[in-house]
Amino acid sequence: RARAVEAQKLMNHFAELLSPEPVNDGILNDPSKLFE
């Protein structure tokens, strides 16, 4: 279940990077969440 949740999150991030629109992922662009 945890792996499925983790995989779902990764797929969401990957889907956003895969889209032609500019990247608006909050975690990847948030300096306060650098480690995550």
PDB file of all heavy atoms in Angstrom:
ATOM      1  N   ARG A   1       0.839  -1.205   0.000  1.00  0.00           N
ATOM      2  CA  ARG A   1       0.000   0.000   0.000  1.00  0.00           C
ATOM      3  C   ARG A   1       0.872   1.253   0.000  1.00  0.00           C
ATOM      4  O   ARG A   1       0.609   2.209  -0.745  1.00  0.00           O
ATOM      5  CB  ARG A   1      -0.913  -0.025   1.220  1.00  0.00           C
ATOM      6  CG  ARG A   1      -1.876   1.160   1.284  1.00  0.00           C
ATOM      7  CD  ARG A   1      -2.721   1.083   2.543  1.00  0.00           C
ATOM      8  NE  ARG A   1      -3.491  -0.164   2.577  1.00  0.00           N
ATOM      9  CZ  ARG A   1      -4.181  -0.587   3.635  1.00  0.00           C
ATOM     10  NH1 ARG A   1      -4.173   0.126   4.754  1.00  0.00           N
ATOM     11  NH2 ARG A   1      -4.860  -1.719   3.591  1.00  0.00           N
ATOM     12  N   ALA A   2       1.947   1.244   0.871  1.00  0.00           N
ATOM     13  CA  ALA A   2       2.832   2.412   0.929  1.00  0.00           C
ATOM     14  C   ALA A   2       3.559   2.597  -0.387  1.00  0.00           C
ATOM     15  O   ALA A   2       3.747   3.722  -0.867  1.00  0.00           O
ATOM     16  CB  ALA A   2       3.833   2.242   2.077  1.00  0.00           C
ATOM     17  N   ARG A   3       3.978   1.487  -0.975  1.00  0.00           N
ATOM     18  CA  ARG A   3       4.660   1.579  -2.261  1.00  0.00           C
ATOM     19  C   ARG A   3       3.719   2.113  -3.345  1.00  0.00           C
ATOM     20  O   ARG A   3       4.137   2.889  -4.215  1.00  0.00           O
ATOM     21  CB  ARG A   3       5.191   0.211  -2.657  1.00  0.00           C
ATOM     22  CG  ARG A   3       6.371  -0.249  -1.802  1.00  0.00           C
ATOM     23  CD  ARG A   3       6.812  -1.644  -2.200  1.00  0.00           C
ATOM     24  NE  ARG A   3       7.952  -2.075  -1.401  1.00  0.00           N
ATOM     25  CZ  ARG A   3       8.470  -3.303  -1.447  1.00  0.00           C
ATOM     26  NH1 ARG A   3       7.912  -4.203  -2.279  1.00  0.00           N
ATOM     27  NH2 ARG A   3       9.490  -3.623  -0.697  1.00  0.00           N
ATOM     28  N   ALA A   4       2.496   1.668  -3.285  1.00  0.00           N
ATOM     29  CA  ALA A   4       1.521   2.149  -4.275  1.00  0.00           C
ATOM     30  C   ALA A   4       1.302   3.645  -4.136  1.00  0.00           C
ATOM     31  O   ALA A   4       1.222   4.376  -5.127  1.00  0.00           O
ATOM     32  CB  ALA A   4       0.204   1.390  -4.114  1.00  0.00           C
ATOM     33  N   VAL A   5       1.225   4.111  -2.863  1.00  0.00           N
ATOM     34  CA  VAL A   5       1.058   5.555  -2.624  1.00  0.00           C
ATOM     35  C   VAL A   5       2.266   6.307  -3.141  1.00  0.00           C
ATOM     36  O   VAL A   5       2.148   7.361  -3.787  1.00  0.00           O
ATOM     37  CB  VAL A   5       0.828   5.814  -1.124  1.00  0.00           C
ATOM     38  CG1 VAL A   5       0.850   7.311  -0.842  1.00  0.00           C
ATOM     39  CG2 VAL A   5      -0.493   5.210  -0.672  1.00  0.00           C
ATOM     40  N   GLU A   6       3.476   5.770  -2.846  1.00  0.00           N
ATOM     41  CA  GLU A   6       4.699   6.427  -3.297  1.00  0.00           C
ATOM     42  C   GLU A   6       4.773   6.438  -4.818  1.00  0.00           C
ATOM     43  O   GLU A   6       5.158   7.449  -5.430  1.00  0.00           O
ATOM     44  CB  GLU A   6       5.916   5.682  -2.712  1.00  0.00           C
ATOM     45  CG  GLU A   6       7.252   6.345  -2.991  1.00  0.00           C
ATOM     46  CD  GLU A   6       7.406   7.657  -2.241  1.00  0.00           C
ATOM     47  OE1 GLU A   6       6.736   7.849  -1.193  1.00  0.00           O
ATOM     48  OE2 GLU A   6       8.189   8.504  -2.711  1.00  0.00           O
ATOM     49  N   ALA A   7       4.399   5.318  -5.405  1.00  0.00           N
ATOM     50  CA  ALA A   7       4.423   5.248  -6.867  1.00  0.00           C
ATOM     51  C   ALA A   7       3.426   6.218  -7.481  1.00  0.00           C
ATOM     52  O   ALA A   7       3.702   6.845  -8.516  1.00  0.00           O
ATOM     53  CB  ALA A   7       4.129   3.820  -7.315  1.00  0.00           C
ATOM     54  N   GLN A   8       2.266   6.374  -6.832  1.00  0.00           N
ATOM     55  CA  GLN A   8       1.258   7.308  -7.341  1.00  0.00           C
ATOM     56  C   GLN A   8       1.785   8.737  -7.318  1.00  0.00           C
ATOM     57  O   GLN A   8       1.595   9.505  -8.271  1.00  0.00           O
ATOM     58  CB  GLN A   8      -0.018   7.188  -6.526  1.00  0.00           C
ATOM     59  CG  GLN A   8      -1.148   8.085  -7.046  1.00  0.00           C
ATOM     60  CD  GLN A   8      -2.402   7.983  -6.194  1.00  0.00           C
ATOM     61  OE1 GLN A   8      -2.396   7.307  -5.160  1.00  0.00           O
ATOM     62  NE2 GLN A   8      -3.466   8.631  -6.626  1.00  0.00           N
ATOM     63  N   LYS A   9       2.489   9.098  -6.202  1.00  0.00           N
ATOM     64  CA  LYS A   9       3.049  10.444  -6.110  1.00  0.00           C
ATOM     65  C   LYS A   9       4.092  10.667  -7.202  1.00  0.00           C
ATOM     66  O   LYS A   9       4.130  11.725  -7.843  1.00  0.00           O
ATOM     67  CB  LYS A   9       3.678  10.655  -4.736  1.00  0.00           C
ATOM     68  CG  LYS A   9       2.668  10.723  -3.611  1.00  0.00           C
ATOM     69  CD  LYS A   9       3.387  10.952  -2.282  1.00  0.00           C
ATOM     70  CE  LYS A   9       2.378  11.024  -1.118  1.00  0.00           C
ATOM     71  NZ  LYS A   9       3.070  11.238   0.170  1.00  0.00           N
ATOM     72  N   LEU A  10       4.957   9.648  -7.411  1.00  0.00           N
ATOM     73  CA  LEU A  10       5.980   9.791  -8.439  1.00  0.00           C
ATOM     74  C   LEU A  10       5.352   9.919  -9.818  1.00  0.00           C
ATOM     75  O   LEU A  10       5.819  10.699 -10.665  1.00  0.00           O
ATOM     76  CB  LEU A  10       6.933   8.593  -8.399  1.00  0.00           C
ATOM     77  CG  LEU A  10       7.942   8.555  -7.250  1.00  0.00           C
ATOM     78  CD1 LEU A  10       8.743   7.261  -7.267  1.00  0.00           C
ATOM     79  CD2 LEU A  10       8.884   9.746  -7.320  1.00  0.00           C
ATOM     80  N   MET A  11       4.289   9.152 -10.046  1.00  0.00           N
ATOM     81  CA  MET A  11       3.626   9.223 -11.348  1.00  0.00           C
ATOM     82  C   MET A  11       3.001  10.591 -11.568  1.00  0.00           C
ATOM     83  O   MET A  11       2.989  11.119 -12.687  1.00  0.00           O
ATOM     84  CB  MET A  11       2.578   8.119 -11.469  1.00  0.00           C
ATOM     85  CG  MET A  11       3.158   6.713 -11.496  1.00  0.00           C
ATOM     86  SD  MET A  11       4.380   6.476 -12.803  1.00  0.00           S
ATOM     87  CE  MET A  11       3.337   6.686 -14.242  1.00  0.00           C
ATOM     88  N   ASN A  12       2.458  11.167 -10.503  1.00  0.00           N
ATOM     89  CA  ASN A  12       1.885  12.519 -10.611  1.00  0.00           C
ATOM     90  C   ASN A  12       2.972  13.526 -10.990  1.00  0.00           C
ATOM     91  O   ASN A  12       2.765  14.391 -11.852  1.00  0.00           O
ATOM     92  CB  ASN A  12       1.213  12.923  -9.311  1.00  0.00           C
ATOM     93  CG  ASN A  12      -0.041  12.088  -9.039  1.00  0.00           C
ATOM     94  OD1 ASN A  12      -0.677  11.553  -9.982  1.00  0.00           O
ATOM     95  ND2 ASN A  12      -0.426  11.978  -7.787  1.00  0.00           N
ATOM     96  N   HIS A  13       4.137  13.441 -10.283  1.00  0.00           N
ATOM     97  CA  HIS A  13       5.241  14.359 -10.603  1.00  0.00           C
ATOM     98  C   HIS A  13       5.739  14.121 -12.017  1.00  0.00           C
ATOM     99  O   HIS A  13       6.026  15.078 -12.759  1.00  0.00           O
ATOM    100  CB  HIS A  13       6.398  14.180  -9.608  1.00  0.00           C
ATOM    101  CG  HIS A  13       6.070  14.612  -8.211  1.00  0.00           C
ATOM    102  ND1 HIS A  13       5.773  15.927  -7.895  1.00  0.00           N
ATOM    103  CD2 HIS A  13       5.975  13.919  -7.041  1.00  0.00           C
ATOM    104  CE1 HIS A  13       5.514  16.024  -6.600  1.00  0.00           C
ATOM    105  NE2 HIS A  13       5.636  14.803  -6.058  1.00  0.00           N
ATOM    106  N   PHE A  14       5.829  12.863 -12.406  1.00  0.00           N
ATOM    107  CA  PHE A  14       6.316  12.542 -13.745  1.00  0.00           C
ATOM    108  C   PHE A  14       5.321  13.019 -14.820  1.00  0.00           C
ATOM    109  O   PHE A  14       5.732  13.509 -15.882  1.00  0.00           O
ATOM    110  CB  PHE A  14       6.541  11.038 -13.862  1.00  0.00           C
ATOM    111  CG  PHE A  14       7.107  10.629 -15.189  1.00  0.00           C
ATOM    112  CD1 PHE A  14       8.443  10.848 -15.501  1.00  0.00           C
ATOM    113  CD2 PHE A  14       6.294  10.036 -16.158  1.00  0.00           C
ATOM    114  CE1 PHE A  14       8.955  10.473 -16.731  1.00  0.00           C
ATOM    115  CE2 PHE A  14       6.813   9.673 -17.377  1.00  0.00           C
ATOM    116  CZ  PHE A  14       8.149   9.879 -17.674  1.00  0.00           C
ATOM    117  N   ALA A  15       4.016  12.884 -14.509  1.00  0.00           N
ATOM    118  CA  ALA A  15       2.984  13.326 -15.466  1.00  0.00           C
ATOM    119  C   ALA A  15       3.062  14.822 -15.681  1.00  0.00           C
ATOM    120  O   ALA A  15       2.895  15.326 -16.806  1.00  0.00           O
ATOM    121  CB  ALA A  15       1.605  12.917 -14.953  1.00  0.00           C
ATOM    122  N   GLU A  16       3.353  15.551 -14.594  1.00  0.00           N
ATOM    123  CA  GLU A  16       3.453  17.005 -14.735  1.00  0.00           C
ATOM    124  C   GLU A  16       4.680  17.388 -15.559  1.00  0.00           C
ATOM    125  O   GLU A  16       4.636  18.329 -16.351  1.00  0.00           O
ATOM    126  CB  GLU A  16       3.518  17.658 -13.353  1.00  0.00           C
ATOM    127  CG  GLU A  16       3.447  19.176 -13.427  1.00  0.00           C
ATOM    128  CD  GLU A  16       3.187  19.806 -12.078  1.00  0.00           C
ATOM    129  OE1 GLU A  16       2.865  19.057 -11.128  1.00  0.00           O
ATOM    130  OE2 GLU A  16       3.305  21.027 -11.965  1.00  0.00           O
ATOM    131  N   LEU A  17       5.790  16.652 -15.361  1.00  0.00           N
ATOM    132  CA  LEU A  17       6.990  16.919 -16.153  1.00  0.00           C
ATOM    133  C   LEU A  17       6.798  16.486 -17.605  1.00  0.00           C
ATOM    134  O   LEU A  17       7.437  17.032 -18.516  1.00  0.00           O
ATOM    135  CB  LEU A  17       8.199  16.181 -15.551  1.00  0.00           C
ATOM    136  CG  LEU A  17       8.698  16.710 -14.201  1.00  0.00           C
ATOM    137  CD1 LEU A  17       9.716  15.759 -13.592  1.00  0.00           C
ATOM    138  CD2 LEU A  17       9.306  18.096 -14.356  1.00  0.00           C
ATOM    139  N   LEU A  18       5.919  15.508 -17.804  1.00  0.00           N
ATOM    140  CA  LEU A  18       5.686  14.996 -19.150  1.00  0.00           C
ATOM    141  C   LEU A  18       4.781  15.918 -19.971  1.00  0.00           C
ATOM    142  O   LEU A  18       4.821  15.913 -21.193  1.00  0.00           O
ATOM    143  CB  LEU A  18       5.075  13.591 -19.052  1.00  0.00           C
ATOM    144  CG  LEU A  18       4.994  12.764 -20.328  1.00  0.00           C
ATOM    145  CD1 LEU A  18       6.377  12.528 -20.919  1.00  0.00           C
ATOM    146  CD2 LEU A  18       4.304  11.445 -20.037  1.00  0.00           C
ATOM    147  N   SER A  19       3.965  16.720 -19.267  1.00  0.00           N
ATOM    148  CA  SER A  19       3.011  17.604 -19.970  1.00  0.00           C
ATOM    149  C   SER A  19       3.753  18.730 -20.655  1.00  0.00           C
ATOM    150  O   SER A  19       4.818  19.157 -20.203  1.00  0.00           O
ATOM    151  CB  SER A  19       1.997  18.182 -18.976  1.00  0.00           C
ATOM    152  OG  SER A  19       2.653  19.027 -18.060  1.00  0.00           O
ATOM    153  N   PRO A  20       3.194  19.259 -21.743  1.00  0.00           N
ATOM    154  CA  PRO A  20       3.874  20.351 -22.464  1.00  0.00           C
ATOM    155  C   PRO A  20       3.819  21.667 -21.714  1.00  0.00           C
ATOM    156  O   PRO A  20       4.538  22.610 -22.076  1.00  0.00           O
ATOM    157  CB  PRO A  20       3.109  20.415 -23.789  1.00  0.00           C
ATOM    158  CG  PRO A  20       1.766  19.852 -23.498  1.00  0.00           C
ATOM    159  CD  PRO A  20       1.943  18.824 -22.442  1.00  0.00           C
ATOM    160  N   GLU A  21       2.971  21.775 -20.713  1.00  0.00           N
ATOM    161  CA  GLU A  21       2.851  23.012 -19.948  1.00  0.00           C
ATOM    162  C   GLU A  21       4.086  23.204 -19.056  1.00  0.00           C
ATOM    163  O   GLU A  21       4.768  22.250 -18.699  1.00  0.00           O
ATOM    164  CB  GLU A  21       1.582  22.971 -19.083  1.00  0.00           C
ATOM    165  CG  GLU A  21       0.308  22.796 -19.864  1.00  0.00           C
ATOM    166  CD  GLU A  21       0.044  23.972 -20.787  1.00  0.00           C
ATOM    167  OE1 GLU A  21       0.458  25.101 -20.423  1.00  0.00           O
ATOM    168  OE2 GLU A  21      -0.550  23.753 -21.855  1.00  0.00           O
ATOM    169  N   PRO A  22       4.351  24.461 -18.655  1.00  0.00           N
ATOM    170  CA  PRO A  22       5.465  24.709 -17.731  1.00  0.00           C
ATOM    171  C   PRO A  22       5.260  23.961 -16.406  1.00  0.00           C
ATOM    172  O   PRO A  22       4.137  23.727 -15.973  1.00  0.00           O
ATOM    173  CB  PRO A  22       5.425  26.234 -17.526  1.00  0.00           C
ATOM    174  CG  PRO A  22       4.713  26.748 -18.729  1.00  0.00           C
ATOM    175  CD  PRO A  22       3.706  25.711 -19.112  1.00  0.00           C
ATOM    176  N   VAL A  23       6.387  23.616 -15.774  1.00  0.00           N
ATOM    177  CA  VAL A  23       6.332  22.838 -14.527  1.00  0.00           C
ATOM    178  C   VAL A  23       5.878  23.735 -13.400  1.00  0.00           C
ATOM    179  O   VAL A  23       6.484  24.778 -13.118  1.00  0.00           O
ATOM    180  CB  VAL A  23       7.704  22.230 -14.215  1.00  0.00           C
ATOM    181  CG1 VAL A  23       7.643  21.446 -12.917  1.00  0.00           C
ATOM    182  CG2 VAL A  23       8.145  21.336 -15.366  1.00  0.00           C
ATOM    183  N   ASN A  24       4.789  23.319 -12.756  1.00  0.00           N
ATOM    184  CA  ASN A  24       4.253  24.080 -11.622  1.00  0.00           C
ATOM    185  C   ASN A  24       4.224  23.235 -10.351  1.00  0.00           C
ATOM    186  O   ASN A  24       3.474  23.535  -9.430  1.00  0.00           O
ATOM    187  CB  ASN A  24       2.828  24.570 -11.954  1.00  0.00           C
ATOM    188  CG  ASN A  24       2.820  25.567 -13.101  1.00  0.00           C
ATOM    189  OD1 ASN A  24       3.698  26.419 -13.192  1.00  0.00           O
ATOM    190  ND2 ASN A  24       1.826  25.454 -13.987  1.00  0.00           N
ATOM    191  N   ASP A  25       5.056  22.180 -10.326  1.00  0.00           N
ATOM    192  CA  ASP A  25       5.072  21.288  -9.158  1.00  0.00           C
ATOM    193  C   ASP A  25       5.552  22.073  -7.941  1.00  0.00           C
ATOM    194  O   ASP A  25       6.677  22.604  -7.900  1.00  0.00           O
ATOM    195  CB  ASP A  25       6.005  20.103  -9.419  1.00  0.00           C
ATOM    196  CG  ASP A  25       5.785  18.991  -8.404  1.00  0.00           C
ATOM    197  OD1 ASP A  25       5.657  19.311  -7.210  1.00  0.00           O
ATOM    198  OD2 ASP A  25       5.756  17.811  -8.807  1.00  0.00           O
ATOM    199  N   GLY A  26       4.725  22.153  -6.924  1.00  0.00           N
ATOM    200  CA  GLY A  26       5.056  22.954  -5.742  1.00  0.00           C
ATOM    201  C   GLY A  26       6.236  22.431  -4.969  1.00  0.00           C
ATOM    202  O   GLY A  26       7.072  23.200  -4.488  1.00  0.00           O
ATOM    203  N   ILE A  27       6.334  21.126  -4.816  1.00  0.00           N
ATOM    204  CA  ILE A  27       7.440  20.558  -4.025  1.00  0.00           C
ATOM    205  C   ILE A  27       8.766  20.773  -4.737  1.00  0.00           C
ATOM    206  O   ILE A  27       9.758  21.180  -4.120  1.00  0.00           O
ATOM    207  CB  ILE A  27       7.179  19.057  -3.773  1.00  0.00           C
ATOM    208  CG1 ILE A  27       5.928  18.875  -2.926  1.00  0.00           C
ATOM    209  CG2 ILE A  27       8.386  18.423  -3.112  1.00  0.00           C
ATOM    210  CD1 ILE A  27       5.572  17.420  -2.679  1.00  0.00           C
ATOM    211  N   LEU A  28       8.803  20.526  -6.031  1.00  0.00           N
ATOM    212  CA  LEU A  28      10.063  20.643  -6.764  1.00  0.00           C
ATOM    213  C   LEU A  28      10.531  22.083  -6.881  1.00  0.00           C
ATOM    214  O   LEU A  28      11.726  22.337  -7.083  1.00  0.00           O
ATOM    215  CB  LEU A  28       9.911  20.036  -8.157  1.00  0.00           C
ATOM    216  CG  LEU A  28       9.641  18.526  -8.220  1.00  0.00           C
ATOM    217  CD1 LEU A  28       9.465  18.071  -9.657  1.00  0.00           C
ATOM    218  CD2 LEU A  28      10.773  17.753  -7.556  1.00  0.00           C
ATOM    219  N   ASN A  29       9.613  23.033  -6.738  1.00  0.00           N
ATOM    220  CA  ASN A  29       9.984  24.441  -6.861  1.00  0.00           C
ATOM    221  C   ASN A  29      10.004  25.173  -5.533  1.00  0.00           C
ATOM    222  O   ASN A  29      10.256  26.378  -5.505  1.00  0.00           O
ATOM    223  CB  ASN A  29       9.012  25.159  -7.806  1.00  0.00           C
ATOM    224  CG  ASN A  29       9.113  24.625  -9.227  1.00  0.00           C
ATOM    225  OD1 ASN A  29      10.202  24.285  -9.676  1.00  0.00           O
ATOM    226  ND2 ASN A  29       7.984  24.540  -9.936  1.00  0.00           N
ATOM    227  N   ASP A  30       9.755  24.481  -4.454  1.00  0.00           N
ATOM    228  CA  ASP A  30       9.689  25.113  -3.131  1.00  0.00           C
ATOM    229  C   ASP A  30      11.050  24.970  -2.446  1.00  0.00           C
ATOM    230  O   ASP A  30      11.470  23.855  -2.090  1.00  0.00           O
ATOM    231  CB  ASP A  30       8.601  24.453  -2.289  1.00  0.00           C
ATOM    232  CG  ASP A  30       8.350  25.219  -0.995  1.00  0.00           C
ATOM    233  OD1 ASP A  30       9.107  26.190  -0.726  1.00  0.00           O
ATOM    234  OD2 ASP A  30       7.426  24.844  -0.249  1.00  0.00           O
ATOM    235  N   PRO A  31      11.796  26.089  -2.231  1.00  0.00           N
ATOM    236  CA  PRO A  31      13.116  25.993  -1.584  1.00  0.00           C
ATOM    237  C   PRO A  31      13.042  25.431  -0.160  1.00  0.00           C
ATOM    238  O   PRO A  31      14.001  24.831   0.321  1.00  0.00           O
ATOM    239  CB  PRO A  31      13.619  27.440  -1.583  1.00  0.00           C
ATOM    240  CG  PRO A  31      12.841  28.117  -2.664  1.00  0.00           C
ATOM    241  CD  PRO A  31      11.493  27.462  -2.655  1.00  0.00           C
ATOM    242  N   SER A  32      11.921  25.630   0.508  1.00  0.00           N
ATOM    243  CA  SER A  32      11.805  25.141   1.884  1.00  0.00           C
ATOM    244  C   SER A  32      11.656  23.625   1.943  1.00  0.00           C
ATOM    245  O   SER A  32      11.782  23.022   3.009  1.00  0.00           O
ATOM    246  CB  SER A  32      10.617  25.820   2.570  1.00  0.00           C
ATOM    247  OG  SER A  32       9.405  25.473   1.911  1.00  0.00           O
ATOM    248  N   LYS A  33      11.324  23.028   0.828  1.00  0.00           N
ATOM    249  CA  LYS A  33      11.161  21.573   0.783  1.00  0.00           C
ATOM    250  C   LYS A  33      12.253  20.942  -0.091  1.00  0.00           C
ATOM    251  O   LYS A  33      12.007  20.040  -0.876  1.00  0.00           O
ATOM    252  CB  LYS A  33       9.784  21.211   0.240  1.00  0.00           C
ATOM    253  CG  LYS A  33       8.641  21.704   1.117  1.00  0.00           C
ATOM    254  CD  LYS A  33       7.290  21.306   0.548  1.00  0.00           C
ATOM    255  CE  LYS A  33       6.147  21.786   1.446  1.00  0.00           C
ATOM    256  NZ  LYS A  33       4.829  21.388   0.901  1.00  0.00           N
ATOM    257  N   LEU A  34      13.486  21.454   0.099  1.00  0.00           N
ATOM    258  CA  LEU A  34      14.604  21.007  -0.730  1.00  0.00           C
ATOM    259  C   LEU A  34      14.891  19.523  -0.538  1.00  0.00           C
ATOM    260  O   LEU A  34      15.125  18.787  -1.505  1.00  0.00           O
ATOM    261  CB  LEU A  34      15.859  21.843  -0.399  1.00  0.00           C
ATOM    262  CG  LEU A  34      17.139  21.469  -1.152  1.00  0.00           C
ATOM    263  CD1 LEU A  34      16.958  21.656  -2.652  1.00  0.00           C
ATOM    264  CD2 LEU A  34      18.318  22.301  -0.642  1.00  0.00           C
ATOM    265  N   PHE A  35      14.889  19.046   0.715  1.00  0.00           N
ATOM    266  CA  PHE A  35      15.251  17.650   0.970  1.00  0.00           C
ATOM    267  C   PHE A  35      14.215  16.692   0.370  1.00  0.00           C
ATOM    268  O   PHE A  35      14.561  15.653  -0.199  1.00  0.00           O
ATOM    269  CB  PHE A  35      15.383  17.404   2.466  1.00  0.00           C
ATOM    270  CG  PHE A  35      16.503  18.197   3.111  1.00  0.00           C
ATOM    271  CD1 PHE A  35      16.551  18.375   4.481  1.00  0.00           C
ATOM    272  CD2 PHE A  35      17.498  18.772   2.334  1.00  0.00           C
ATOM    273  CE1 PHE A  35      17.577  19.097   5.068  1.00  0.00           C
ATOM    274  CE2 PHE A  35      18.527  19.500   2.909  1.00  0.00           C
ATOM    275  CZ  PHE A  35      18.562  19.676   4.283  1.00  0.00           C
ATOM    276  N   GLU A  36      12.902  17.078   0.502  1.00  0.00           N
ATOM    277  CA  GLU A  36      11.846  16.243  -0.066  1.00  0.00           C
ATOM    278  C   GLU A  36      11.928  16.249  -1.589  1.00  0.00           C
ATOM    279  O   GLU A  36      11.763  15.202  -2.243  1.00  0.00           O
ATOM    280  CB  GLU A  36      10.480  16.756   0.400  1.00  0.00           C
ATOM    281  CG  GLU A  36       9.319  15.870  -0.030  1.00  0.00           C
ATOM    282  CD  GLU A  36       7.980  16.380   0.498  1.00  0.00           C
ATOM    283  OE1 GLU A  36       7.994  17.355   1.295  1.00  0.00           O
ATOM    284  OE2 GLU A  36       6.946  15.804   0.116  1.00  0.00           O
TER     285      GLU A  36
END
